Amino acid sequence: MATHPDPIKQFAINKLLPLDINGVDLSFTNSSLFMVATVVLTSAYFLWSTGGRGMVPTRSQSVSEIVYEFVAGMLRDSAGSSGMKFFPFVFSLFMFILIINMFGMFPYFLTVTAHIIITIALAMAVFLTVLVVGFGRHGVGFLKLFVPSGVPMLIMPLVIAIEIISFIARPISHSVRLFANMLAGHITLKVFAGFIVSLSAMGTVGIVGSILPFAMTVGMTALEFLVAFLQAYVFTMLTCMYINDALHPGGH
């Protein structure tokens, strides 16, 4: 009888180059490998595609320009022209999450964003950037973010408390949204793929019965590609909105 493959095993962290310094594990893992590959390949592509800068853009240059304008438009719409100074940060986040999500769609590749430690690190980078920029530009005036206009004084303390809790919870919601969607989607794919293997081992009847989970797997794979893009988009859009809060805490 065929055993069902473990859907969690695909997220295992494996040490490729073990390294321990004074009890601190600094090993180079498969997760490290995919993150380095993402940065190197993405950087190489944009350097290659935009190197010529011809009057008539090549297909690769056109793709780079489309992605550039897509992220730039997202940032301008959310944070205004003053937010464009953060474009390199926002663009890097979008491309890193998008490409690393797409890597995870290949069989036997690791889905790095299915690890909460990675997504919380990305979310904390955004959170700390907002704090530094907000207090750096406005000082204590940044605290106006927690005092909505038009709120009656009677309930103002309650509203301020809710706003502060909501602000502090941003890294949690920002990271868990990406982590949970990538984790759940890949586990579901693995489960349906396991059904195909298990049913196929049962002979002719099983092979016929595996047609439905096979069709579901194909459909869910297409959906996961869409989710991989959407999660990069949502994470980046929220980043743009948070940067806007740092630049315009009063809502102006």
C-alpha atoms as a PDB file:
ATOM      1  CA  MET A   1       0.000   0.000   0.000  1.00  0.00           C
ATOM      2  CA  ALA A   2       1.399   3.369  -1.012  1.00  0.00           C
ATOM      3  CA  THR A   3       2.229   5.798   1.747  1.00  0.00           C
ATOM      4  CA  HIS A   4       1.041   9.367   1.585  1.00  0.00           C
ATOM      5  CA  PRO A   5       3.896  11.885   1.146  1.00  0.00           C
ATOM      6  CA  ASP A   6       4.377  14.246   4.056  1.00  0.00           C
ATOM      7  CA  PRO A   7       3.088  17.685   2.876  1.00  0.00           C
ATOM      8  CA  ILE A   8       5.259  19.459   5.469  1.00  0.00           C
ATOM      9  CA  LYS A   9       8.534  17.874   4.382  1.00  0.00           C
ATOM     10  CA  GLN A  10       8.776  20.242   1.399  1.00  0.00           C
ATOM     11  CA  PHE A  11       9.449  23.141   3.814  1.00  0.00           C
ATOM     12  CA  ALA A  12      12.358  21.465   5.621  1.00  0.00           C
ATOM     13  CA  ILE A  13      15.501  23.542   6.154  1.00  0.00           C
ATOM     14  CA  ASN A  14      18.663  21.633   5.214  1.00  0.00           C
ATOM     15  CA  LYS A  15      22.200  22.728   6.015  1.00  0.00           C
ATOM     16  CA  LEU A  16      24.343  22.897   2.893  1.00  0.00           C
ATOM     17  CA  LEU A  17      27.441  24.414   4.518  1.00  0.00           C
ATOM     18  CA  PRO A  18      27.392  23.898   8.301  1.00  0.00           C
ATOM     19  CA  LEU A  19      28.950  26.783  10.226  1.00  0.00           C
ATOM     20  CA  ASP A  20      28.942  27.311  13.970  1.00  0.00           C
ATOM     21  CA  ILE A  21      30.664  30.309  15.572  1.00  0.00           C
ATOM     22  CA  ASN A  22      30.713  30.398  19.359  1.00  0.00           C
ATOM     23  CA  GLY A  23      27.494  28.435  19.571  1.00  0.00           C
ATOM     24  CA  VAL A  24      25.731  30.582  16.963  1.00  0.00           C
ATOM     25  CA  ASP A  25      24.472  28.602  13.974  1.00  0.00           C
ATOM     26  CA  LEU A  26      25.414  30.550  10.825  1.00  0.00           C
ATOM     27  CA  SER A  27      25.055  27.634   8.429  1.00  0.00           C
ATOM     28  CA  PHE A  28      24.328  28.233   4.754  1.00  0.00           C
ATOM     29  CA  THR A  29      21.036  26.434   4.129  1.00  0.00           C
ATOM     30  CA  ASN A  30      18.784  25.661   1.195  1.00  0.00           C
ATOM     31  CA  SER A  31      16.750  28.705   2.265  1.00  0.00           C
ATOM     32  CA  SER A  32      19.893  30.850   2.060  1.00  0.00           C
ATOM     33  CA  LEU A  33      20.638  29.412  -1.371  1.00  0.00           C
ATOM     34  CA  PHE A  34      17.239  30.366  -2.795  1.00  0.00           C
ATOM     35  CA  MET A  35      17.409  33.865  -1.318  1.00  0.00           C
ATOM     36  CA  VAL A  36      20.882  34.442  -2.757  1.00  0.00           C
ATOM     37  CA  ALA A  37      19.783  33.005  -6.114  1.00  0.00           C
ATOM     38  CA  THR A  38      16.769  35.329  -6.127  1.00  0.00           C
ATOM     39  CA  VAL A  39      18.891  38.419  -5.525  1.00  0.00           C
ATOM     40  CA  VAL A  40      21.614  37.426  -8.004  1.00  0.00           C
ATOM     41  CA  LEU A  41      19.305  36.356 -10.842  1.00  0.00           C
ATOM     42  CA  THR A  42      16.938  39.314 -10.450  1.00  0.00           C
ATOM     43  CA  SER A  43      19.820  41.798 -10.354  1.00  0.00           C
ATOM     44  CA  ALA A  44      21.491  40.137 -13.326  1.00  0.00           C
ATOM     45  CA  TYR A  45      18.281  40.234 -15.365  1.00  0.00           C
ATOM     46  CA  PHE A  46      17.662  43.939 -14.810  1.00  0.00           C
ATOM     47  CA  LEU A  47      21.298  44.820 -15.483  1.00  0.00           C
ATOM     48  CA  TRP A  48      21.207  42.805 -18.684  1.00  0.00           C
ATOM     49  CA  SER A  49      17.792  43.958 -19.897  1.00  0.00           C
ATOM     50  CA  THR A  50      18.384  47.658 -19.255  1.00  0.00           C
ATOM     51  CA  GLY A  51      22.067  47.753 -20.195  1.00  0.00           C
ATOM     52  CA  GLY A  52      21.492  48.754 -23.821  1.00  0.00           C
ATOM     53  CA  ARG A  53      18.751  51.353 -23.277  1.00  0.00           C
ATOM     54  CA  GLY A  54      18.004  51.510 -26.969  1.00  0.00           C
ATOM     55  CA  MET A  55      15.487  53.905 -28.495  1.00  0.00           C
ATOM     56  CA  VAL A  56      13.527  50.852 -29.602  1.00  0.00           C
ATOM     57  CA  PRO A  57      13.303  48.687 -26.475  1.00  0.00           C
ATOM     58  CA  THR A  58      13.876  44.969 -26.686  1.00  0.00           C
ATOM     59  CA  ARG A  59      11.327  42.567 -25.213  1.00  0.00           C
ATOM     60  CA  SER A  60      13.381  42.125 -22.054  1.00  0.00           C
ATOM     61  CA  GLN A  61      13.760  45.883 -21.666  1.00  0.00           C
ATOM     62  CA  SER A  62      10.026  46.334 -22.158  1.00  0.00           C
ATOM     63  CA  VAL A  63       9.310  43.804 -19.403  1.00  0.00           C
ATOM     64  CA  SER A  64      11.687  45.635 -17.058  1.00  0.00           C
ATOM     65  CA  GLU A  65      10.046  48.973 -17.835  1.00  0.00           C
ATOM     66  CA  ILE A  66       6.557  47.542 -17.295  1.00  0.00           C
ATOM     67  CA  VAL A  67       7.536  46.169 -13.888  1.00  0.00           C
ATOM     68  CA  TYR A  68       9.234  49.463 -13.011  1.00  0.00           C
ATOM     69  CA  GLU A  69       6.173  51.520 -13.908  1.00  0.00           C
ATOM     70  CA  PHE A  70       3.846  49.076 -12.157  1.00  0.00           C
ATOM     71  CA  VAL A  71       5.652  49.452  -8.825  1.00  0.00           C
ATOM     72  CA  ALA A  72       6.287  53.173  -9.315  1.00  0.00           C
ATOM     73  CA  GLY A  73       2.594  53.767 -10.016  1.00  0.00           C
ATOM     74  CA  MET A  74       1.646  51.789  -6.917  1.00  0.00           C
ATOM     75  CA  LEU A  75       3.967  53.904  -4.760  1.00  0.00           C
ATOM     76  CA  ARG A  76       2.923  57.234  -6.296  1.00  0.00           C
ATOM     77  CA  ASP A  77      -0.776  56.472  -5.880  1.00  0.00           C
ATOM     78  CA  SER A  78      -0.307  55.503  -2.230  1.00  0.00           C
ATOM     79  CA  ALA A  79       2.362  57.900  -0.947  1.00  0.00           C
ATOM     80  CA  GLY A  80       2.484  60.686  -3.535  1.00  0.00           C
ATOM     81  CA  SER A  81       5.559  62.018  -5.311  1.00  0.00           C
ATOM     82  CA  SER A  82       7.398  62.412  -1.998  1.00  0.00           C
ATOM     83  CA  GLY A  83       7.233  58.662  -1.559  1.00  0.00           C
ATOM     84  CA  MET A  84       9.316  58.024  -4.690  1.00  0.00           C
ATOM     85  CA  LYS A  85      12.544  58.370  -2.703  1.00  0.00           C
ATOM     86  CA  PHE A  86      11.614  54.986  -1.216  1.00  0.00           C
ATOM     87  CA  PHE A  87      11.197  53.401  -4.642  1.00  0.00           C
ATOM     88  CA  PRO A  88      14.420  51.314  -4.484  1.00  0.00           C
ATOM     89  CA  PHE A  89      13.291  49.805  -1.171  1.00  0.00           C
ATOM     90  CA  VAL A  90       9.742  49.098  -2.353  1.00  0.00           C
ATOM     91  CA  PHE A  91      10.852  47.784  -5.757  1.00  0.00           C
ATOM     92  CA  SER A  92      13.396  45.465  -4.125  1.00  0.00           C
ATOM     93  CA  LEU A  93      10.743  44.080  -1.780  1.00  0.00           C
ATOM     94  CA  PHE A  94       8.301  43.446  -4.612  1.00  0.00           C
ATOM     95  CA  MET A  95      10.812  41.710  -6.863  1.00  0.00           C
ATOM     96  CA  PHE A  96      12.308  39.646  -4.039  1.00  0.00           C
ATOM     97  CA  ILE A  97       8.927  38.326  -2.878  1.00  0.00           C
ATOM     98  CA  LEU A  98       7.624  37.801  -6.418  1.00  0.00           C
ATOM     99  CA  ILE A  99      10.632  35.868  -7.714  1.00  0.00           C
ATOM    100  CA  ILE A 100      11.120  33.825  -4.564  1.00  0.00           C
ATOM    101  CA  ASN A 101       7.404  32.917  -4.642  1.00  0.00           C
ATOM    102  CA  MET A 102       7.759  31.827  -8.260  1.00  0.00           C
ATOM    103  CA  PHE A 103      10.810  29.717  -7.397  1.00  0.00           C
ATOM    104  CA  GLY A 104       8.633  27.877  -4.894  1.00  0.00           C
ATOM    105  CA  MET A 105       6.310  26.774  -7.683  1.00  0.00           C
ATOM    106  CA  PHE A 106       8.934  24.457  -9.185  1.00  0.00           C
ATOM    107  CA  PRO A 107       9.014  20.843  -7.977  1.00  0.00           C
ATOM    108  CA  TYR A 108      11.634  20.153  -5.291  1.00  0.00           C
ATOM    109  CA  PHE A 109      12.313  23.889  -4.868  1.00  0.00           C
ATOM    110  CA  LEU A 110      11.892  25.484  -1.458  1.00  0.00           C
ATOM    111  CA  THR A 111       9.119  28.020  -0.840  1.00  0.00           C
ATOM    112  CA  VAL A 112      11.089  30.424   1.335  1.00  0.00           C
ATOM    113  CA  THR A 113       8.122  32.688   2.103  1.00  0.00           C
ATOM    114  CA  ALA A 114       6.349  29.715   3.696  1.00  0.00           C
ATOM    115  CA  HIS A 115       8.673  30.266   6.683  1.00  0.00           C
ATOM    116  CA  ILE A 116       7.375  32.821   9.175  1.00  0.00           C
ATOM    117  CA  ILE A 117      10.906  33.905  10.151  1.00  0.00           C
ATOM    118  CA  ILE A 118      11.471  35.186   6.605  1.00  0.00           C
ATOM    119  CA  THR A 119       8.183  37.037   6.288  1.00  0.00           C
ATOM    120  CA  ILE A 120       8.461  38.568   9.777  1.00  0.00           C
ATOM    121  CA  ALA A 121      11.956  39.822   8.875  1.00  0.00           C
ATOM    122  CA  LEU A 122      10.558  41.511   5.749  1.00  0.00           C
ATOM    123  CA  ALA A 123       7.636  42.965   7.715  1.00  0.00           C
ATOM    124  CA  MET A 124       9.929  44.252  10.477  1.00  0.00           C
ATOM    125  CA  ALA A 125      12.135  45.940   7.871  1.00  0.00           C
ATOM    126  CA  VAL A 126       9.043  47.839   6.693  1.00  0.00           C
ATOM    127  CA  PHE A 127       7.873  48.571  10.248  1.00  0.00           C
ATOM    128  CA  LEU A 128      11.247  49.934  11.370  1.00  0.00           C
ATOM    129  CA  THR A 129      11.542  52.015   8.198  1.00  0.00           C
ATOM    130  CA  VAL A 130       8.169  53.606   8.956  1.00  0.00           C
ATOM    131  CA  LEU A 131       9.210  54.364  12.543  1.00  0.00           C
ATOM    132  CA  VAL A 132      12.573  55.866  11.549  1.00  0.00           C
ATOM    133  CA  VAL A 133      11.114  57.957   8.746  1.00  0.00           C
ATOM    134  CA  GLY A 134       8.062  59.006  10.734  1.00  0.00           C
ATOM    135  CA  PHE A 135       9.918  60.214  13.831  1.00  0.00           C
ATOM    136  CA  GLY A 136      12.860  61.451  11.752  1.00  0.00           C
ATOM    137  CA  ARG A 137      10.687  63.750   9.628  1.00  0.00           C
ATOM    138  CA  HIS A 138       8.027  64.764  12.125  1.00  0.00           C
ATOM    139  CA  GLY A 139       9.402  64.093  15.603  1.00  0.00           C
ATOM    140  CA  VAL A 140       6.576  63.772  18.112  1.00  0.00           C
ATOM    141  CA  GLY A 141       4.270  65.027  15.365  1.00  0.00           C
ATOM    142  CA  PHE A 142       4.333  61.477  14.016  1.00  0.00           C
ATOM    143  CA  LEU A 143       2.067  60.562  16.924  1.00  0.00           C
ATOM    144  CA  LYS A 144      -0.741  62.384  15.099  1.00  0.00           C
ATOM    145  CA  LEU A 145      -1.090  59.099  13.245  1.00  0.00           C
ATOM    146  CA  PHE A 146      -2.849  57.730  16.322  1.00  0.00           C
ATOM    147  CA  VAL A 147      -5.235  60.675  16.708  1.00  0.00           C
ATOM    148  CA  PRO A 148      -7.855  60.552  13.924  1.00  0.00           C
ATOM    149  CA  SER A 149      -9.553  63.842  13.137  1.00  0.00           C
ATOM    150  CA  GLY A 150     -13.243  64.314  13.839  1.00  0.00           C
ATOM    151  CA  VAL A 151     -13.397  61.840  16.727  1.00  0.00           C
ATOM    152  CA  PRO A 152     -15.399  63.071  19.791  1.00  0.00           C
ATOM    153  CA  MET A 153     -13.212  63.723  22.841  1.00  0.00           C
ATOM    154  CA  LEU A 154     -15.325  61.354  24.918  1.00  0.00           C
ATOM    155  CA  ILE A 155     -14.143  58.294  23.010  1.00  0.00           C
ATOM    156  CA  MET A 156     -10.758  59.660  21.924  1.00  0.00           C
ATOM    157  CA  PRO A 157      -8.749  57.624  24.520  1.00  0.00           C
ATOM    158  CA  LEU A 158     -10.381  54.405  23.315  1.00  0.00           C
ATOM    159  CA  VAL A 159      -9.758  55.252  19.661  1.00  0.00           C
ATOM    160  CA  ILE A 160      -6.108  56.143  20.361  1.00  0.00           C
ATOM    161  CA  ALA A 161      -5.614  52.820  22.184  1.00  0.00           C
ATOM    162  CA  ILE A 162      -7.135  50.920  19.255  1.00  0.00           C
ATOM    163  CA  GLU A 163      -4.946  52.814  16.769  1.00  0.00           C
ATOM    164  CA  ILE A 164      -1.786  52.072  18.761  1.00  0.00           C
ATOM    165  CA  ILE A 165      -2.612  48.368  19.058  1.00  0.00           C
ATOM    166  CA  SER A 166      -3.422  48.248  15.343  1.00  0.00           C
ATOM    167  CA  PHE A 167      -0.103  49.922  14.506  1.00  0.00           C
ATOM    168  CA  ILE A 168       1.920  47.568  16.709  1.00  0.00           C
ATOM    169  CA  ALA A 169       0.145  44.575  15.168  1.00  0.00           C
ATOM    170  CA  ARG A 170       1.095  45.604  11.629  1.00  0.00           C
ATOM    171  CA  PRO A 171       4.232  43.438  11.388  1.00  0.00           C
ATOM    172  CA  ILE A 172       2.217  40.435  12.553  1.00  0.00           C
ATOM    173  CA  SER A 173      -0.605  40.809  10.044  1.00  0.00           C
ATOM    174  CA  HIS A 174       1.826  41.899   7.307  1.00  0.00           C
ATOM    175  CA  SER A 175       3.973  38.785   7.730  1.00  0.00           C
ATOM    176  CA  VAL A 176       1.322  36.188   8.576  1.00  0.00           C
ATOM    177  CA  ARG A 177      -0.747  37.055   5.481  1.00  0.00           C
ATOM    178  CA  LEU A 178       2.146  36.192   3.157  1.00  0.00           C
ATOM    179  CA  PHE A 179       3.347  33.211   5.184  1.00  0.00           C
ATOM    180  CA  ALA A 180      -0.093  31.620   5.641  1.00  0.00           C
ATOM    181  CA  ASN A 181      -1.143  31.940   2.011  1.00  0.00           C
ATOM    182  CA  MET A 182       2.053  30.410   0.653  1.00  0.00           C
ATOM    183  CA  LEU A 183       2.105  27.648   3.283  1.00  0.00           C
ATOM    184  CA  ALA A 184      -1.552  26.658   2.886  1.00  0.00           C
ATOM    185  CA  GLY A 185      -1.455  26.696  -0.907  1.00  0.00           C
ATOM    186  CA  HIS A 186       1.588  24.462  -1.183  1.00  0.00           C
ATOM    187  CA  ILE A 187       0.318  22.029   1.430  1.00  0.00           C
ATOM    188  CA  THR A 188      -2.958  21.702  -0.486  1.00  0.00           C
ATOM    189  CA  LEU A 189      -1.070  21.086  -3.733  1.00  0.00           C
ATOM    190  CA  LYS A 190       1.048  18.419  -2.067  1.00  0.00           C
ATOM    191  CA  VAL A 191      -2.029  16.673  -0.641  1.00  0.00           C
ATOM    192  CA  PHE A 192      -3.788  16.479  -4.018  1.00  0.00           C
ATOM    193  CA  ALA A 193      -0.570  15.306  -5.681  1.00  0.00           C
ATOM    194  CA  GLY A 194      -0.335  12.612  -3.000  1.00  0.00           C
ATOM    195  CA  PHE A 195      -3.832  11.427  -3.892  1.00  0.00           C
ATOM    196  CA  ILE A 196      -2.708  10.950  -7.498  1.00  0.00           C
ATOM    197  CA  VAL A 197       0.239   8.777  -6.454  1.00  0.00           C
ATOM    198  CA  SER A 198      -1.797   6.747  -3.969  1.00  0.00           C
ATOM    199  CA  LEU A 199      -4.695   6.098  -6.342  1.00  0.00           C
ATOM    200  CA  SER A 200      -2.408   5.243  -9.265  1.00  0.00           C
ATOM    201  CA  ALA A 201      -0.847   2.467  -7.179  1.00  0.00           C
ATOM    202  CA  MET A 202      -4.268   0.760  -6.974  1.00  0.00           C
ATOM    203  CA  GLY A 203      -4.297  -0.350 -10.592  1.00  0.00           C
ATOM    204  CA  THR A 204      -6.690   0.544 -13.413  1.00  0.00           C
ATOM    205  CA  VAL A 205      -9.528   1.618 -11.144  1.00  0.00           C
ATOM    206  CA  GLY A 206      -7.174   3.815  -9.165  1.00  0.00           C
ATOM    207  CA  ILE A 207      -5.740   5.419 -12.293  1.00  0.00           C
ATOM    208  CA  VAL A 208      -9.243   6.320 -13.459  1.00  0.00           C
ATOM    209  CA  GLY A 209     -10.034   7.648  -9.999  1.00  0.00           C
ATOM    210  CA  SER A 210      -6.896   9.787 -10.010  1.00  0.00           C
ATOM    211  CA  ILE A 211      -8.186  11.871 -12.931  1.00  0.00           C
ATOM    212  CA  LEU A 212     -10.164  14.165 -10.623  1.00  0.00           C
ATOM    213  CA  PRO A 213      -7.305  14.953  -8.175  1.00  0.00           C
ATOM    214  CA  PHE A 214      -5.022  15.395 -11.209  1.00  0.00           C
ATOM    215  CA  ALA A 215      -7.391  17.974 -12.677  1.00  0.00           C
ATOM    216  CA  MET A 216      -7.642  19.655  -9.264  1.00  0.00           C
ATOM    217  CA  THR A 217      -3.841  19.733  -8.993  1.00  0.00           C
ATOM    218  CA  VAL A 218      -3.482  21.370 -12.408  1.00  0.00           C
ATOM    219  CA  GLY A 219      -6.138  23.949 -11.565  1.00  0.00           C
ATOM    220  CA  MET A 220      -4.656  24.684  -8.149  1.00  0.00           C
ATOM    221  CA  THR A 221      -1.178  25.032  -9.647  1.00  0.00           C
ATOM    222  CA  ALA A 222      -2.475  27.759 -11.941  1.00  0.00           C
ATOM    223  CA  LEU A 223      -4.194  29.376  -8.958  1.00  0.00           C
ATOM    224  CA  GLU A 224      -0.982  29.213  -6.915  1.00  0.00           C
ATOM    225  CA  PHE A 225       0.898  31.104  -9.624  1.00  0.00           C
ATOM    226  CA  LEU A 226      -1.728  33.817  -9.336  1.00  0.00           C
ATOM    227  CA  VAL A 227      -1.505  33.762  -5.533  1.00  0.00           C
ATOM    228  CA  ALA A 228       2.297  34.030  -5.734  1.00  0.00           C
ATOM    229  CA  PHE A 229       1.920  37.268  -7.687  1.00  0.00           C
ATOM    230  CA  LEU A 230      -0.977  38.606  -5.618  1.00  0.00           C
ATOM    231  CA  GLN A 231       0.844  38.078  -2.327  1.00  0.00           C
ATOM    232  CA  ALA A 232       3.840  40.035  -3.620  1.00  0.00           C
ATOM    233  CA  TYR A 233       1.448  42.764  -4.776  1.00  0.00           C
ATOM    234  CA  VAL A 234      -0.484  42.896  -1.484  1.00  0.00           C
ATOM    235  CA  PHE A 235       2.686  42.977   0.621  1.00  0.00           C
ATOM    236  CA  THR A 236       4.082  45.796  -1.518  1.00  0.00           C
ATOM    237  CA  MET A 237       0.818  47.743  -1.562  1.00  0.00           C
ATOM    238  CA  LEU A 238       0.605  47.632   2.233  1.00  0.00           C
ATOM    239  CA  THR A 239       4.233  48.767   2.392  1.00  0.00           C
ATOM    240  CA  CYS A 240       3.353  51.785   0.239  1.00  0.00           C
ATOM    241  CA  MET A 241       0.412  52.631   2.501  1.00  0.00           C
ATOM    242  CA  TYR A 242       2.581  52.367   5.616  1.00  0.00           C
ATOM    243  CA  ILE A 243       5.216  54.630   4.039  1.00  0.00           C
ATOM    244  CA  ASN A 244       2.454  57.128   3.336  1.00  0.00           C
ATOM    245  CA  ASP A 245       1.609  57.072   7.056  1.00  0.00           C
ATOM    246  CA  ALA A 246       5.246  57.893   7.843  1.00  0.00           C
ATOM    247  CA  LEU A 247       5.302  60.767   5.361  1.00  0.00           C
ATOM    248  CA  HIS A 248       1.817  62.130   6.095  1.00  0.00           C
ATOM    249  CA  PRO A 249       0.827  61.086   9.635  1.00  0.00           C
ATOM    250  CA  GLY A 250      -1.954  63.659   9.738  1.00  0.00           C
ATOM    251  CA  GLY A 251      -3.580  62.222   6.637  1.00  0.00           C
ATOM    252  CA  HIS A 252      -2.726  65.227   4.468  1.00  0.00           C
END
